[in-house]
Amino acid sequence: MNIDAEVRDIKKYVIEISRKMDELLYDREITAIMKLSETSLYKFFEDEPILYKIEDLKVRYK
């Protein structure tokens, strides 16, 4: 292999690693936002009446 081919391979791997890092960061951000909304909306939903009960379900999954 010559140096140009090795540089192209390294660049390809760096781009792939960068893309995977972006995906991981995106997933982590989504998880953090979900956790934040869960904790911040807890009091709001705690005071709300229950609109539906288990008996209201037409289909039950196990």
N, C-alpha and C. Protein backbone atom coordinates (compact mmCIF):
# COMPACT_ATOMS: atom_id res chain seq x y z
N MET A 1 0.84 -1.20 0.00
CA MET A 1 0.00 0.00 0.00
C MET A 1 0.87 1.24 0.00
N ASN A 2 0.40 2.23 -0.69
CA ASN A 2 1.14 3.48 -0.66
C ASN A 2 0.50 4.41 0.39
N ILE A 3 1.13 5.51 0.60
CA ILE A 3 0.69 6.45 1.64
C ILE A 3 -0.69 7.02 1.33
N ASP A 4 -0.98 7.30 0.07
CA ASP A 4 -2.28 7.86 -0.31
C ASP A 4 -3.42 6.91 0.04
N ALA A 5 -3.23 5.65 -0.22
CA ALA A 5 -4.26 4.65 0.10
C ALA A 5 -4.46 4.53 1.61
N GLU A 6 -3.37 4.57 2.35
CA GLU A 6 -3.48 4.50 3.81
C GLU A 6 -4.19 5.72 4.38
N VAL A 7 -3.90 6.88 3.83
CA VAL A 7 -4.56 8.11 4.28
C VAL A 7 -6.05 8.04 3.97
N ARG A 8 -6.41 7.53 2.80
CA ARG A 8 -7.83 7.37 2.45
C ARG A 8 -8.53 6.41 3.41
N ASP A 9 -7.87 5.30 3.75
CA ASP A 9 -8.45 4.34 4.70
C ASP A 9 -8.63 4.97 6.07
N ILE A 10 -7.62 5.70 6.51
CA ILE A 10 -7.72 6.35 7.82
C ILE A 10 -8.85 7.37 7.82
N LYS A 11 -8.95 8.14 6.75
CA LYS A 11 -10.03 9.14 6.66
C LYS A 11 -11.40 8.46 6.68
N LYS A 12 -11.52 7.33 5.97
CA LYS A 12 -12.78 6.59 5.95
C LYS A 12 -13.15 6.12 7.37
N TYR A 13 -12.16 5.60 8.10
CA TYR A 13 -12.42 5.14 9.46
C TYR A 13 -12.76 6.29 10.40
N VAL A 14 -12.11 7.41 10.23
CA VAL A 14 -12.40 8.58 11.07
C VAL A 14 -13.82 9.07 10.82
N ILE A 15 -14.23 9.09 9.58
CA ILE A 15 -15.60 9.51 9.25
C ILE A 15 -16.61 8.54 9.85
N GLU A 16 -16.33 7.24 9.75
CA GLU A 16 -17.23 6.24 10.32
C GLU A 16 -17.32 6.36 11.84
N ILE A 17 -16.19 6.56 12.49
CA ILE A 17 -16.18 6.73 13.95
C ILE A 17 -16.94 8.00 14.33
N SER A 18 -16.74 9.06 13.59
CA SER A 18 -17.44 10.32 13.85
C SER A 18 -18.96 10.13 13.73
N ARG A 19 -19.38 9.41 12.70
CA ARG A 19 -20.82 9.16 12.51
C ARG A 19 -21.40 8.34 13.67
N LYS A 20 -20.66 7.33 14.10
CA LYS A 20 -21.13 6.51 15.21
C LYS A 20 -21.17 7.32 16.51
N MET A 21 -20.21 8.19 16.71
CA MET A 21 -20.21 9.06 17.89
C MET A 21 -21.43 9.97 17.88
N ASP A 22 -21.75 10.52 16.70
CA ASP A 22 -22.93 11.38 16.58
C ASP A 22 -24.20 10.61 16.94
N GLU A 23 -24.30 9.37 16.48
CA GLU A 23 -25.47 8.55 16.80
C GLU A 23 -25.56 8.29 18.29
N LEU A 24 -24.45 7.96 18.92
CA LEU A 24 -24.44 7.71 20.36
C LEU A 24 -24.81 8.96 21.15
N LEU A 25 -24.28 10.10 20.75
CA LEU A 25 -24.62 11.34 21.43
C LEU A 25 -26.09 11.69 21.26
N TYR A 26 -26.62 11.45 20.06
CA TYR A 26 -28.04 11.70 19.81
C TYR A 26 -28.90 10.82 20.71
N ASP A 27 -28.56 9.53 20.79
CA ASP A 27 -29.32 8.62 21.65
C ASP A 27 -29.24 9.05 23.12
N ARG A 28 -28.07 9.49 23.53
CA ARG A 28 -27.90 9.92 24.92
C ARG A 28 -28.70 11.19 25.20
N GLU A 29 -28.74 12.12 24.24
CA GLU A 29 -29.53 13.33 24.40
C GLU A 29 -31.01 13.00 24.51
N ILE A 30 -31.49 12.10 23.66
CA ILE A 30 -32.90 11.71 23.70
C ILE A 30 -33.24 11.08 25.05
N THR A 31 -32.38 10.20 25.54
CA THR A 31 -32.60 9.57 26.84
C THR A 31 -32.64 10.61 27.95
N ALA A 32 -31.74 11.58 27.90
CA ALA A 32 -31.70 12.62 28.92
C ALA A 32 -32.97 13.48 28.88
N ILE A 33 -33.43 13.81 27.69
CA ILE A 33 -34.66 14.61 27.55
C ILE A 33 -35.86 13.82 28.06
N MET A 34 -35.91 12.53 27.75
CA MET A 34 -37.03 11.71 28.23
C MET A 34 -37.02 11.63 29.75
N LYS A 35 -35.86 11.46 30.34
CA LYS A 35 -35.76 11.39 31.80
C LYS A 35 -36.15 12.72 32.43
N LEU A 36 -35.70 13.81 31.84
CA LEU A 36 -36.04 15.13 32.35
C LEU A 36 -37.55 15.38 32.28
N SER A 37 -38.16 15.03 31.16
CA SER A 37 -39.60 15.24 31.05
C SER A 37 -40.37 14.33 32.00
N GLU A 38 -39.86 13.13 32.20
CA GLU A 38 -40.51 12.21 33.14
C GLU A 38 -40.51 12.77 34.56
N THR A 39 -39.37 13.30 34.98
CA THR A 39 -39.29 13.82 36.35
C THR A 39 -39.99 15.16 36.49
N SER A 40 -39.95 16.00 35.45
CA SER A 40 -40.57 17.32 35.57
C SER A 40 -42.08 17.26 35.44
N LEU A 41 -42.61 16.28 34.72
CA LEU A 41 -44.06 16.18 34.53
C LEU A 41 -44.72 15.24 35.55
N TYR A 42 -43.94 14.67 36.41
CA TYR A 42 -44.48 13.71 37.38
C TYR A 42 -45.58 14.34 38.23
N LYS A 43 -45.33 15.49 38.79
CA LYS A 43 -46.33 16.16 39.65
C LYS A 43 -47.58 16.50 38.85
N PHE A 44 -47.39 16.95 37.62
CA PHE A 44 -48.55 17.31 36.79
C PHE A 44 -49.45 16.11 36.57
N PHE A 45 -48.88 14.99 36.19
CA PHE A 45 -49.69 13.80 35.92
C PHE A 45 -50.20 13.15 37.20
N GLU A 46 -49.51 13.35 38.29
CA GLU A 46 -49.94 12.78 39.55
C GLU A 46 -51.29 13.35 39.98
N ASP A 47 -51.52 14.62 39.70
CA ASP A 47 -52.76 15.29 40.10
C ASP A 47 -53.89 15.11 39.09
N GLU A 48 -53.60 14.57 37.93
CA GLU A 48 -54.61 14.39 36.90
C GLU A 48 -55.46 13.15 37.19
N PRO A 49 -56.74 13.20 36.86
CA PRO A 49 -57.58 12.01 37.05
C PRO A 49 -57.22 10.93 36.03
N ILE A 50 -57.49 9.71 36.37
CA ILE A 50 -57.26 8.59 35.46
C ILE A 50 -58.40 8.55 34.47
N LEU A 51 -58.09 8.67 33.21
CA LEU A 51 -59.12 8.70 32.17
C LEU A 51 -59.52 7.31 31.71
N TYR A 52 -58.56 6.42 31.67
CA TYR A 52 -58.83 5.08 31.21
C TYR A 52 -58.36 4.07 32.24
N LYS A 53 -59.06 2.96 32.30
CA LYS A 53 -58.67 1.88 33.19
C LYS A 53 -58.32 0.65 32.36
N ILE A 54 -57.76 -0.32 32.98
CA ILE A 54 -57.40 -1.55 32.29
C ILE A 54 -58.63 -2.18 31.63
N GLU A 55 -59.75 -2.08 32.28
CA GLU A 55 -60.98 -2.67 31.74
C GLU A 55 -61.42 -2.01 30.44
N ASP A 56 -60.96 -0.78 30.17
CA ASP A 56 -61.34 -0.07 28.95
C ASP A 56 -60.59 -0.58 27.72
N LEU A 57 -59.54 -1.34 27.91
CA LEU A 57 -58.75 -1.81 26.78
C LEU A 57 -59.52 -2.85 25.96
N LYS A 58 -59.44 -2.72 24.67
CA LYS A 58 -60.07 -3.69 23.78
C LYS A 58 -59.12 -4.85 23.52
N VAL A 59 -57.83 -4.56 23.46
CA VAL A 59 -56.82 -5.58 23.20
C VAL A 59 -55.81 -5.53 24.36
N ARG A 60 -55.49 -6.69 24.88
CA ARG A 60 -54.50 -6.77 25.96
C ARG A 60 -53.31 -7.56 25.48
N TYR A 61 -52.16 -7.02 25.72
CA TYR A 61 -50.92 -7.68 25.33
C TYR A 61 -50.26 -8.27 26.56
N LYS A 62 -49.63 -9.40 26.36
CA LYS A 62 -48.94 -10.05 27.49
C LYS A 62 -47.48 -9.76 27.43
